[in-house]
Amino acid sequence: MESAKHKLKGKKYFILDMDGTFYLGDKLLDGSLDFIQHLKNTGRDFLFFTNNSSKNSKVYVDKLASMGCYVEEDKVVTSGMVTVDYLKKHYKDARVYLLGTPMLEEDFIRRGINLVQEEPDLVVVGFDTTITYEKLTIACDFIREGKPFLATHPDLNCPIEGGFIPDCGAICAFITASTGVKPRYIGKPYRETLDYIIDYLKCKPEEIIFIGDRLYTDIAIGYNHGVTSLLVLTGETKLEDLEESSVKPDIVLERLSDLIQLL
């Protein structure tokens, strides 16, 4: 308890994963709203960050509102937003073939990315729940031609009520198996996401803490880059998984609301 309190000292920004951490399916986890209120009461702040690029920030704001949590759109960041930022910095004015949902396509276009179906400069893969064999084939053809291959995030599965569905990492595994080319991932746990958040919040790395239920994304972004991380056991990861993992969180709690007493 005292060790955890020490590690939390000076933390101003709490970067929250969503599904499995703040809510599960369409229900808030017990105490989630109390935690947000406690942060506000104590002069701290928060940011929701999800690797799920199948939806945009507005959809997540609406989903949170439907569960009784009301936040502004600037409180939600997705791996799709980080990917757009990366493209603007490293592939300015590039022609992009995107494997993504209509919602992700709209978000890319709205943020100034030039999406094309022919002669792209690179291929970007997101969590495409509308994927077809034709879209996969086209992406593979472009990658075999030597087009750079980027992906919004590495998650293999997306949790849903009653189980999982294949996520962006699984789609990329299909493409890699066909082309022999691995993607450059942008979302958690990669440095691009940490840099984006630091710039977005105008803060220092030592002022933030990553909170989530998944070791290889939510916790690894902290572990890999020297930033504090906190694992909750309300989602994917169980204690036995933690014992076998080389990626270790700084703090482990049963649920998000347990953090209130440490603050």
C-alpha atoms as a PDB file:
ATOM      1  CA  MET A   1       0.000   0.000   0.000  1.00  0.00           C
ATOM      2  CA  GLU A   2       2.727   2.503   0.972  1.00  0.00           C
ATOM      3  CA  SER A   3       4.803   1.539  -2.068  1.00  0.00           C
ATOM      4  CA  ALA A   4       1.817   2.157  -4.345  1.00  0.00           C
ATOM      5  CA  LYS A   5       1.123   5.531  -2.732  1.00  0.00           C
ATOM      6  CA  HIS A   6       4.739   6.527  -3.320  1.00  0.00           C
ATOM      7  CA  LYS A   7       4.542   5.552  -7.005  1.00  0.00           C
ATOM      8  CA  LEU A   8       1.383   7.628  -7.394  1.00  0.00           C
ATOM      9  CA  LYS A   9       2.950  10.753  -5.940  1.00  0.00           C
ATOM     10  CA  GLY A  10       2.944  13.622  -8.444  1.00  0.00           C
ATOM     11  CA  LYS A  11       0.644  11.876 -10.927  1.00  0.00           C
ATOM     12  CA  LYS A  12      -1.662  14.434 -12.522  1.00  0.00           C
ATOM     13  CA  TYR A  13      -2.981  12.620 -15.599  1.00  0.00           C
ATOM     14  CA  PHE A  14      -4.569   9.168 -15.489  1.00  0.00           C
ATOM     15  CA  ILE A  15      -4.619   7.526 -18.943  1.00  0.00           C
ATOM     16  CA  LEU A  16      -7.514   5.091 -18.849  1.00  0.00           C
ATOM     17  CA  ASP A  17      -8.142   2.133 -21.072  1.00  0.00           C
ATOM     18  CA  MET A  18     -11.848   1.634 -21.652  1.00  0.00           C
ATOM     19  CA  ASP A  19     -13.271  -1.859 -22.218  1.00  0.00           C
ATOM     20  CA  GLY A  20     -12.176  -4.176 -19.424  1.00  0.00           C
ATOM     21  CA  THR A  21     -10.953  -1.265 -17.316  1.00  0.00           C
ATOM     22  CA  PHE A  22     -13.688   1.387 -17.080  1.00  0.00           C
ATOM     23  CA  TYR A  23     -16.579  -0.633 -18.474  1.00  0.00           C
ATOM     24  CA  LEU A  24     -17.242  -4.154 -19.702  1.00  0.00           C
ATOM     25  CA  GLY A  25     -19.430  -4.458 -22.772  1.00  0.00           C
ATOM     26  CA  ASP A  26     -22.234  -1.962 -22.208  1.00  0.00           C
ATOM     27  CA  LYS A  27     -21.994  -1.675 -18.428  1.00  0.00           C
ATOM     28  CA  LEU A  28     -19.783   0.526 -16.280  1.00  0.00           C
ATOM     29  CA  LEU A  29     -17.667  -1.394 -13.824  1.00  0.00           C
ATOM     30  CA  ASP A  30     -18.579  -0.725 -10.198  1.00  0.00           C
ATOM     31  CA  GLY A  31     -16.991   2.451  -8.877  1.00  0.00           C
ATOM     32  CA  SER A  32     -15.825   3.835 -12.236  1.00  0.00           C
ATOM     33  CA  LEU A  33     -17.832   7.049 -11.913  1.00  0.00           C
ATOM     34  CA  ASP A  34     -16.705   7.442  -8.305  1.00  0.00           C
ATOM     35  CA  PHE A  35     -13.104   7.262  -9.492  1.00  0.00           C
ATOM     36  CA  ILE A  36     -13.605  10.019 -12.099  1.00  0.00           C
ATOM     37  CA  GLN A  37     -15.310  12.206  -9.521  1.00  0.00           C
ATOM     38  CA  HIS A  38     -12.475  11.648  -7.071  1.00  0.00           C
ATOM     39  CA  LEU A  39      -9.935  12.778  -9.667  1.00  0.00           C
ATOM     40  CA  LYS A  40     -11.937  15.949 -10.234  1.00  0.00           C
ATOM     41  CA  ASN A  41     -12.315  16.570  -6.506  1.00  0.00           C
ATOM     42  CA  THR A  42      -8.569  16.270  -5.934  1.00  0.00           C
ATOM     43  CA  GLY A  43      -7.445  18.447  -8.848  1.00  0.00           C
ATOM     44  CA  ARG A  44      -6.268  15.592 -11.050  1.00  0.00           C
ATOM     45  CA  ASP A  45      -7.235  14.882 -14.662  1.00  0.00           C
ATOM     46  CA  PHE A  46      -7.848  11.909 -16.942  1.00  0.00           C
ATOM     47  CA  LEU A  47      -7.860  10.874 -20.570  1.00  0.00           C
ATOM     48  CA  PHE A  48      -9.514   7.839 -22.116  1.00  0.00           C
ATOM     49  CA  PHE A  49      -7.277   6.098 -24.625  1.00  0.00           C
ATOM     50  CA  THR A  50      -8.388   3.096 -26.641  1.00  0.00           C
ATOM     51  CA  ASN A  51      -6.479   1.093 -29.216  1.00  0.00           C
ATOM     52  CA  ASN A  52      -9.800   0.213 -30.860  1.00  0.00           C
ATOM     53  CA  SER A  53      -9.719   2.078 -34.181  1.00  0.00           C
ATOM     54  CA  SER A  54     -13.009   0.722 -35.514  1.00  0.00           C
ATOM     55  CA  LYS A  55     -14.843   3.709 -34.014  1.00  0.00           C
ATOM     56  CA  ASN A  56     -14.097   7.401 -33.510  1.00  0.00           C
ATOM     57  CA  SER A  57     -13.980   9.520 -30.367  1.00  0.00           C
ATOM     58  CA  LYS A  58     -17.556  10.793 -30.777  1.00  0.00           C
ATOM     59  CA  VAL A  59     -18.929   7.254 -30.723  1.00  0.00           C
ATOM     60  CA  TYR A  60     -17.072   6.547 -27.492  1.00  0.00           C
ATOM     61  CA  VAL A  61     -18.372   9.778 -25.954  1.00  0.00           C
ATOM     62  CA  ASP A  62     -21.911   8.710 -26.864  1.00  0.00           C
ATOM     63  CA  LYS A  63     -21.324   5.214 -25.479  1.00  0.00           C
ATOM     64  CA  LEU A  64     -20.017   6.584 -22.187  1.00  0.00           C
ATOM     65  CA  ALA A  65     -23.015   8.924 -21.984  1.00  0.00           C
ATOM     66  CA  SER A  66     -25.394   6.004 -22.490  1.00  0.00           C
ATOM     67  CA  MET A  67     -23.872   4.464 -19.367  1.00  0.00           C
ATOM     68  CA  GLY A  68     -24.105   7.651 -17.343  1.00  0.00           C
ATOM     69  CA  CYS A  69     -20.565   8.989 -17.817  1.00  0.00           C
ATOM     70  CA  TYR A  70     -20.596  12.395 -19.491  1.00  0.00           C
ATOM     71  CA  VAL A  71     -17.324  13.695 -20.960  1.00  0.00           C
ATOM     72  CA  GLU A  72     -16.311  16.063 -23.741  1.00  0.00           C
ATOM     73  CA  GLU A  73     -14.916  14.635 -26.979  1.00  0.00           C
ATOM     74  CA  ASP A  74     -11.424  15.929 -26.167  1.00  0.00           C
ATOM     75  CA  LYS A  75     -11.290  13.420 -23.287  1.00  0.00           C
ATOM     76  CA  VAL A  76     -11.181  10.460 -25.696  1.00  0.00           C
ATOM     77  CA  VAL A  77      -8.213   9.558 -27.901  1.00  0.00           C
ATOM     78  CA  THR A  78      -7.944   6.532 -30.192  1.00  0.00           C
ATOM     79  CA  SER A  79      -5.077   4.791 -31.963  1.00  0.00           C
ATOM     80  CA  GLY A  80      -6.633   6.035 -35.202  1.00  0.00           C
ATOM     81  CA  MET A  81      -5.985   9.626 -34.128  1.00  0.00           C
ATOM     82  CA  VAL A  82      -2.362   8.815 -33.303  1.00  0.00           C
ATOM     83  CA  THR A  83      -1.982   7.129 -36.693  1.00  0.00           C
ATOM     84  CA  VAL A  84      -3.296  10.224 -38.488  1.00  0.00           C
ATOM     85  CA  ASP A  85      -0.790  12.355 -36.578  1.00  0.00           C
ATOM     86  CA  TYR A  86       2.021   9.950 -37.543  1.00  0.00           C
ATOM     87  CA  LEU A  87       1.019  10.045 -41.216  1.00  0.00           C
ATOM     88  CA  LYS A  88       1.011  13.845 -41.256  1.00  0.00           C
ATOM     89  CA  LYS A  89       4.487  13.956 -39.726  1.00  0.00           C
ATOM     90  CA  HIS A  90       6.145  11.181 -41.736  1.00  0.00           C
ATOM     91  CA  TYR A  91       4.055  10.760 -44.914  1.00  0.00           C
ATOM     92  CA  LYS A  92       2.847  14.269 -45.656  1.00  0.00           C
ATOM     93  CA  ASP A  93       0.295  14.408 -48.505  1.00  0.00           C
ATOM     94  CA  ALA A  94       0.646  10.643 -49.033  1.00  0.00           C
ATOM     95  CA  ARG A  95      -1.957   8.592 -50.853  1.00  0.00           C
ATOM     96  CA  VAL A  96      -3.222   5.990 -48.376  1.00  0.00           C
ATOM     97  CA  TYR A  97      -4.996   2.688 -48.938  1.00  0.00           C
ATOM     98  CA  LEU A  98      -6.884   2.108 -45.679  1.00  0.00           C
ATOM     99  CA  LEU A  99      -8.274  -1.154 -44.418  1.00  0.00           C
ATOM    100  CA  GLY A 100     -10.800   0.231 -41.952  1.00  0.00           C
ATOM    101  CA  THR A 101     -14.449   0.717 -41.091  1.00  0.00           C
ATOM    102  CA  PRO A 102     -16.448   3.501 -42.788  1.00  0.00           C
ATOM    103  CA  MET A 103     -16.194   5.363 -39.486  1.00  0.00           C
ATOM    104  CA  LEU A 104     -12.376   5.213 -39.517  1.00  0.00           C
ATOM    105  CA  GLU A 105     -12.350   6.219 -43.186  1.00  0.00           C
ATOM    106  CA  GLU A 106     -14.494   9.270 -42.394  1.00  0.00           C
ATOM    107  CA  ASP A 107     -12.211  10.188 -39.501  1.00  0.00           C
ATOM    108  CA  PHE A 108      -9.086   9.963 -41.679  1.00  0.00           C
ATOM    109  CA  ILE A 109     -10.673  12.106 -44.405  1.00  0.00           C
ATOM    110  CA  ARG A 110     -11.949  14.665 -41.887  1.00  0.00           C
ATOM    111  CA  ARG A 111      -8.450  14.968 -40.463  1.00  0.00           C
ATOM    112  CA  GLY A 112      -6.891  15.551 -43.872  1.00  0.00           C
ATOM    113  CA  ILE A 113      -5.673  12.126 -45.007  1.00  0.00           C
ATOM    114  CA  ASN A 114      -5.938  11.365 -48.743  1.00  0.00           C
ATOM    115  CA  LEU A 115      -7.552   7.920 -49.074  1.00  0.00           C
ATOM    116  CA  VAL A 116      -7.324   6.143 -52.440  1.00  0.00           C
ATOM    117  CA  GLN A 117      -8.221   2.795 -53.964  1.00  0.00           C
ATOM    118  CA  GLU A 118      -5.471   2.801 -56.597  1.00  0.00           C
ATOM    119  CA  GLU A 119      -1.755   3.612 -56.669  1.00  0.00           C
ATOM    120  CA  PRO A 120      -1.295   4.370 -52.946  1.00  0.00           C
ATOM    121  CA  ASP A 121       1.979   5.423 -51.363  1.00  0.00           C
ATOM    122  CA  LEU A 122       1.350   3.152 -48.369  1.00  0.00           C
ATOM    123  CA  VAL A 123      -1.140   0.782 -46.742  1.00  0.00           C
ATOM    124  CA  VAL A 124      -2.697   1.377 -43.315  1.00  0.00           C
ATOM    125  CA  VAL A 125      -4.634  -1.333 -41.495  1.00  0.00           C
ATOM    126  CA  GLY A 126      -7.068  -0.682 -38.659  1.00  0.00           C
ATOM    127  CA  PHE A 127      -9.572  -2.790 -36.744  1.00  0.00           C
ATOM    128  CA  ASP A 128     -11.838  -3.349 -39.748  1.00  0.00           C
ATOM    129  CA  THR A 129     -15.069  -5.053 -38.696  1.00  0.00           C
ATOM    130  CA  THR A 130     -16.315  -4.626 -42.293  1.00  0.00           C
ATOM    131  CA  ILE A 131     -13.367  -6.452 -43.835  1.00  0.00           C
ATOM    132  CA  THR A 132     -13.781  -8.508 -47.000  1.00  0.00           C
ATOM    133  CA  TYR A 133     -11.516 -10.956 -48.791  1.00  0.00           C
ATOM    134  CA  GLU A 134     -11.287  -8.488 -51.670  1.00  0.00           C
ATOM    135  CA  LYS A 135     -10.002  -5.717 -49.379  1.00  0.00           C
ATOM    136  CA  LEU A 136      -7.420  -8.089 -47.875  1.00  0.00           C
ATOM    137  CA  THR A 137      -6.276  -9.174 -51.322  1.00  0.00           C
ATOM    138  CA  ILE A 138      -5.849  -5.589 -52.527  1.00  0.00           C
ATOM    139  CA  ALA A 139      -3.863  -4.672 -49.407  1.00  0.00           C
ATOM    140  CA  CYS A 140      -1.607  -7.701 -49.861  1.00  0.00           C
ATOM    141  CA  ASP A 141      -0.995  -6.829 -53.519  1.00  0.00           C
ATOM    142  CA  PHE A 142       0.082  -3.291 -52.658  1.00  0.00           C
ATOM    143  CA  ILE A 143       2.378  -4.516 -49.867  1.00  0.00           C
ATOM    144  CA  ARG A 144       4.004  -7.058 -52.197  1.00  0.00           C
ATOM    145  CA  GLU A 145       4.724  -4.157 -54.548  1.00  0.00           C
ATOM    146  CA  GLY A 146       6.787  -2.642 -51.746  1.00  0.00           C
ATOM    147  CA  LYS A 147       4.331  -0.125 -50.281  1.00  0.00           C
ATOM    148  CA  PRO A 148       5.012   0.609 -46.587  1.00  0.00           C
ATOM    149  CA  PHE A 149       2.688  -1.300 -44.231  1.00  0.00           C
ATOM    150  CA  LEU A 150       1.373   0.508 -41.122  1.00  0.00           C
ATOM    151  CA  ALA A 151      -1.219  -0.581 -38.566  1.00  0.00           C
ATOM    152  CA  THR A 152      -3.130   1.354 -35.933  1.00  0.00           C
ATOM    153  CA  HIS A 153      -2.533  -1.135 -33.086  1.00  0.00           C
ATOM    154  CA  PRO A 154      -1.334  -4.693 -32.359  1.00  0.00           C
ATOM    155  CA  ASP A 155      -4.283  -6.131 -30.365  1.00  0.00           C
ATOM    156  CA  LEU A 156      -5.002  -9.675 -31.535  1.00  0.00           C
ATOM    157  CA  ASN A 157      -8.491  -9.884 -30.054  1.00  0.00           C
ATOM    158  CA  CYS A 158     -11.170  -7.421 -29.019  1.00  0.00           C
ATOM    159  CA  PRO A 159     -13.172  -8.361 -25.902  1.00  0.00           C
ATOM    160  CA  ILE A 160     -16.926  -8.556 -26.247  1.00  0.00           C
ATOM    161  CA  GLU A 161     -19.560  -9.899 -23.905  1.00  0.00           C
ATOM    162  CA  GLY A 162     -19.138 -13.647 -23.888  1.00  0.00           C
ATOM    163  CA  GLY A 163     -15.707 -13.790 -25.508  1.00  0.00           C
ATOM    164  CA  PHE A 164     -13.500 -12.175 -28.162  1.00  0.00           C
ATOM    165  CA  ILE A 165     -13.461 -11.252 -31.845  1.00  0.00           C
ATOM    166  CA  PRO A 166     -10.356 -10.942 -34.091  1.00  0.00           C
ATOM    167  CA  ASP A 167      -8.791  -7.479 -33.868  1.00  0.00           C
ATOM    168  CA  CYS A 168      -6.267  -5.473 -35.905  1.00  0.00           C
ATOM    169  CA  GLY A 169      -3.298  -7.646 -34.950  1.00  0.00           C
ATOM    170  CA  ALA A 170      -5.081 -10.742 -36.244  1.00  0.00           C
ATOM    171  CA  ILE A 171      -5.855  -9.011 -39.542  1.00  0.00           C
ATOM    172  CA  CYS A 172      -2.213  -8.007 -39.845  1.00  0.00           C
ATOM    173  CA  ALA A 173      -1.121 -11.596 -39.089  1.00  0.00           C
ATOM    174  CA  PHE A 174      -3.163 -12.720 -42.097  1.00  0.00           C
ATOM    175  CA  ILE A 175      -1.467 -10.122 -44.304  1.00  0.00           C
ATOM    176  CA  THR A 176       1.995 -10.986 -42.952  1.00  0.00           C
ATOM    177  CA  ALA A 177       1.403 -14.700 -43.575  1.00  0.00           C
ATOM    178  CA  SER A 178       0.551 -13.900 -47.199  1.00  0.00           C
ATOM    179  CA  THR A 179       3.211 -11.250 -47.930  1.00  0.00           C
ATOM    180  CA  GLY A 180       6.020 -11.989 -45.480  1.00  0.00           C
ATOM    181  CA  VAL A 181       5.926  -8.318 -44.405  1.00  0.00           C
ATOM    182  CA  LYS A 182       5.286  -7.204 -40.828  1.00  0.00           C
ATOM    183  CA  PRO A 183       3.591  -3.851 -40.151  1.00  0.00           C
ATOM    184  CA  ARG A 184       4.833  -0.888 -38.194  1.00  0.00           C
ATOM    185  CA  TYR A 185       2.342  -0.529 -35.350  1.00  0.00           C
ATOM    186  CA  ILE A 186       1.419   2.921 -34.003  1.00  0.00           C
ATOM    187  CA  GLY A 187      -0.921   2.542 -30.969  1.00  0.00           C
ATOM    188  CA  LYS A 188      -0.184   1.267 -27.470  1.00  0.00           C
ATOM    189  CA  PRO A 189       2.475   0.172 -26.485  1.00  0.00           C
ATOM    190  CA  TYR A 190       4.560   2.119 -28.991  1.00  0.00           C
ATOM    191  CA  ARG A 191       6.482   5.333 -28.495  1.00  0.00           C
ATOM    192  CA  GLU A 192       4.364   7.252 -31.003  1.00  0.00           C
ATOM    193  CA  THR A 193       1.358   6.942 -28.684  1.00  0.00           C
ATOM    194  CA  LEU A 194       3.278   8.088 -25.621  1.00  0.00           C
ATOM    195  CA  ASP A 195       4.671  11.092 -27.507  1.00  0.00           C
ATOM    196  CA  TYR A 196       1.201  11.953 -28.830  1.00  0.00           C
ATOM    197  CA  ILE A 197      -0.317  11.881 -25.338  1.00  0.00           C
ATOM    198  CA  ILE A 198       2.477  13.984 -23.832  1.00  0.00           C
ATOM    199  CA  ASP A 199       2.001  16.579 -26.557  1.00  0.00           C
ATOM    200  CA  TYR A 200      -1.800  16.365 -26.346  1.00  0.00           C
ATOM    201  CA  LEU A 201      -1.818  16.994 -22.604  1.00  0.00           C
ATOM    202  CA  LYS A 202       1.224  19.312 -22.598  1.00  0.00           C
ATOM    203  CA  CYS A 203       2.653  17.341 -19.688  1.00  0.00           C
ATOM    204  CA  LYS A 204       5.772  15.467 -18.586  1.00  0.00           C
ATOM    205  CA  PRO A 205       6.104  11.650 -18.645  1.00  0.00           C
ATOM    206  CA  GLU A 206       6.481  11.541 -14.864  1.00  0.00           C
ATOM    207  CA  GLU A 207       3.073  13.217 -14.475  1.00  0.00           C
ATOM    208  CA  ILE A 208       1.117  10.428 -16.168  1.00  0.00           C
ATOM    209  CA  ILE A 209       0.105   6.881 -15.337  1.00  0.00           C
ATOM    210  CA  PHE A 210      -1.270   4.292 -17.743  1.00  0.00           C
ATOM    211  CA  ILE A 211      -4.132   2.172 -16.408  1.00  0.00           C
ATOM    212  CA  GLY A 212      -5.516  -0.899 -18.139  1.00  0.00           C
ATOM    213  CA  ASP A 213      -6.261  -4.605 -18.153  1.00  0.00           C
ATOM    214  CA  ARG A 214      -3.958  -5.794 -20.950  1.00  0.00           C
ATOM    215  CA  LEU A 215      -0.277  -6.496 -20.325  1.00  0.00           C
ATOM    216  CA  TYR A 216       1.094  -6.259 -23.867  1.00  0.00           C
ATOM    217  CA  THR A 217      -0.497  -2.874 -24.620  1.00  0.00           C
ATOM    218  CA  ASP A 218      -1.788  -0.926 -21.575  1.00  0.00           C
ATOM    219  CA  ILE A 219       1.047  -1.979 -19.273  1.00  0.00           C
ATOM    220  CA  ALA A 220       3.801  -2.422 -21.857  1.00  0.00           C
ATOM    221  CA  ILE A 221       3.607   1.226 -22.963  1.00  0.00           C
ATOM    222  CA  GLY A 222       4.615   2.214 -19.447  1.00  0.00           C
ATOM    223  CA  TYR A 223       7.052  -0.652 -18.886  1.00  0.00           C
ATOM    224  CA  ASN A 224       8.858  -0.097 -22.205  1.00  0.00           C
ATOM    225  CA  HIS A 225       9.231   3.667 -21.861  1.00  0.00           C
ATOM    226  CA  GLY A 226       9.824   4.275 -18.164  1.00  0.00           C
ATOM    227  CA  VAL A 227       6.310   5.515 -17.347  1.00  0.00           C
ATOM    228  CA  THR A 228       4.245   4.328 -14.379  1.00  0.00           C
ATOM    229  CA  SER A 229       1.578   1.725 -15.130  1.00  0.00           C
ATOM    230  CA  LEU A 230      -1.278   0.154 -13.168  1.00  0.00           C
ATOM    231  CA  LEU A 231      -2.933  -3.161 -13.966  1.00  0.00           C
ATOM    232  CA  VAL A 232      -6.565  -3.847 -13.093  1.00  0.00           C
ATOM    233  CA  LEU A 233      -7.881  -7.417 -13.003  1.00  0.00           C
ATOM    234  CA  THR A 234     -11.359  -6.661 -14.358  1.00  0.00           C
ATOM    235  CA  GLY A 235     -10.561  -7.526 -17.971  1.00  0.00           C
ATOM    236  CA  GLU A 236      -8.206  -9.745 -19.933  1.00  0.00           C
ATOM    237  CA  THR A 237      -5.313 -10.285 -17.533  1.00  0.00           C
ATOM    238  CA  LYS A 238      -5.451 -12.628 -14.552  1.00  0.00           C
ATOM    239  CA  LEU A 239      -2.878 -12.950 -11.756  1.00  0.00           C
ATOM    240  CA  GLU A 240      -1.486 -16.174 -13.232  1.00  0.00           C
ATOM    241  CA  ASP A 241      -0.819 -14.334 -16.520  1.00  0.00           C
ATOM    242  CA  LEU A 242       1.127 -11.692 -14.638  1.00  0.00           C
ATOM    243  CA  GLU A 243       3.382 -14.291 -13.009  1.00  0.00           C
ATOM    244  CA  GLU A 244       4.449 -15.602 -16.420  1.00  0.00           C
ATOM    245  CA  SER A 245       4.840 -12.216 -18.119  1.00  0.00           C
ATOM    246  CA  SER A 246       8.112 -10.378 -18.663  1.00  0.00           C
ATOM    247  CA  VAL A 247       6.112  -7.127 -18.746  1.00  0.00           C
ATOM    248  CA  LYS A 248       5.344  -6.016 -15.196  1.00  0.00           C
ATOM    249  CA  PRO A 249       3.067  -3.206 -13.964  1.00  0.00           C
ATOM    250  CA  ASP A 250       4.158  -0.890 -11.169  1.00  0.00           C
ATOM    251  CA  ILE A 251       0.859  -1.383  -9.335  1.00  0.00           C
ATOM    252  CA  VAL A 252      -1.792  -4.130  -9.439  1.00  0.00           C
ATOM    253  CA  LEU A 253      -5.358  -3.632  -8.189  1.00  0.00           C
ATOM    254  CA  GLU A 254      -8.533  -5.688  -8.387  1.00  0.00           C
ATOM    255  CA  ARG A 255     -10.497  -2.812  -9.932  1.00  0.00           C
ATOM    256  CA  LEU A 256     -10.184   0.836 -10.875  1.00  0.00           C
ATOM    257  CA  SER A 257     -12.200   2.070  -7.901  1.00  0.00           C
ATOM    258  CA  ASP A 258      -9.632   0.537  -5.512  1.00  0.00           C
ATOM    259  CA  LEU A 259      -7.343   3.335  -6.597  1.00  0.00           C
ATOM    260  CA  ILE A 260      -9.458   5.928  -4.769  1.00  0.00           C
ATOM    261  CA  GLN A 261      -8.121   4.969  -1.330  1.00  0.00           C
ATOM    262  CA  LEU A 262      -4.533   5.239  -2.596  1.00  0.00           C
ATOM    263  CA  LEU A 263      -5.091   8.815  -3.758  1.00  0.00           C
END
